[in-house]
Amino acid sequence: MPYLLVIALQVACIVHLMRRGGNPLWVTALIFLPVVSAIAYFFVEILPGLGQNRHVRTARAKAVATLDPERELRAAHGALDLADTAANRLRVADALAALGRHAEAVPLYRESLRMTVGAPDIRTQGKLANALYETGQGAEALALLDESQEPLGQSERDRQQLLRAKTLEHLGRTDEALELYADVVTRMPGEEARCRYAALLIAQGWDRKALVVLEEVEKRMKRMDRQQRAAEADMYRWATEALAGLRAKGITA
C-alpha cells in the first residue's frame, strides 16, 4: 500500500508539472527521489499557487469563520482601539452584522455616518437601513432609503431595491413590495429575491404565479454544483418544500 501511495504521489506531481509547463528537471527528481522530491515539489510549486485560487481562498475563509466566527470582530475592535475613525467603526458594525448582531451594529453605523466628512456614504446608509430592517424598525429603514441617493451601479441599485421590497412587505404594503420583487428578480443573482417573491405570492393566494417563480429557482438550482447550492442552502430547501406543496395541491403553470 505505501508503494502505491508513492506512485500515486509521483504521478500527481508529474501531471501537475506537465499541465503547468514547469521546469522539466523536476521529472528526474520525482522519478529517482519520489518521496523527498514530491514533498519539495508541493511546497515549492503547488502550495504558493493555492493562495491564488479563488475556491481555495473561499474554502479557507469559510473554515476560519466556522472555527472562529468572532475573529474579524476582534480584529475590528482592535483596529478601533488604535484609531477611532469612521472606517474602523464601520468595520466593527459590519462584523457585528455578519454575526447577526444587528441591534449592536445600528449605533456604530450611525456614528460612522456622523463622522464621515462631506456627503453621507450611500453604501453605509444602505447597511444602516438593512440593520434597522433586521431589528424591526421598518419605518425608519424606509425613511432612510427614501432620503438616500440612488446608487450608481446597477447591482447596488438592485440590492437597495430588494431591501426596499422587504421593508415594504414588513410594513404591510404588499402591492408595492410585489411590484418591486417582480422587477428585481429579473436581474439579481442568488435566490433570496425569488424566494421572497414566491412566498409573498403564496401568502396572497397567487399559487400559480408562485409556481412559475419557484420552478425557475428549481431550474437554476439544477445547473449549480453542490458548493454553489450550499451558499443559499436554506433558500433552496424552502423553495423545494414550497414547490412540492404547490404540486401536491395540483397547481400547474
Foldseek 3Di string as FASTA:
>chain_A
DVVVVLVVLLVVLVVVCVVVVHDCVLNVCCVPVVPVSSVVCCVPPPVVVLVVDPVSVVVVVVVCCVVPVCPQLVVLVVVCVVPVALVSLQSNLVSCVVVVNLVVSLVSLVVSQVRDPDDGDLVSLLSNLLSCVSVVNLVVSLVSLVPGDQDDDPQSNLVSLLSNLSSCVSVVVLVVSLVSLVVSVVPDPDCPSLLVNLVSCVVVVNNQVSLVSLVVVVVVVVVDDPVVCVVVVVSVVVSVVSNVVSVVVVHDD
